[in-house]
Amino acid sequence: MKIKLLFLSLVLSISMLTNAKSTIFHPSNDSILKSKDHVEVMTFHAKKRCITCLKIEELTKEVINESFAKELKSGKLVFRNIDITQNKEVAKKYKVAWSSLIISLKKDNKENFENLTTFAFAYARTNSIKFKSELKAKIILALKELDKKK
């Protein structure tokens, strides 16, 4: 019985890691992101990832795919999954030292961002419905702010 559970756990872990490597949208040219107004959702992680970190990324991708495909395709919404060990300058900019979730509004050459890490760690594994609904609401608010006229 223990061997079956261990095997099942190993299979699930490998499956999660395989899925975690794929990103919804990862722009190859950051200068495009700097010049275009958009909302950006970023998950940050290190090389070694905990179950909660993986769950935050998984649920964030689900929210974006289920509710914001049109905005994602147009570039109005951007998702990036960032390894902080390979992107130290980005991690420093957002004051990130470990797994984190950030939502950023880039408009009129200004940026405002919100760190949702505490919220994400509180709900990703214990209440995925609340996590997804509140993240969706945050993204909707940011997109509405993006569409506001000056």
Foldseek 3Di string as FASTA:
>chain_A
DVVVVVVVVVVVVVVLVVVQPDDPDDDPDCVVVQVDWAKEKEWEAAPDDDPLSSLLSVLVVVLCVVPPPVCPVVVNYYYYYYHCVVVVVVCVVVVHDHTWIKMWTQAPSDIDMDTCRVVSSVDSPPPSPVVSVVVNVVNVVSSVVRPDDD
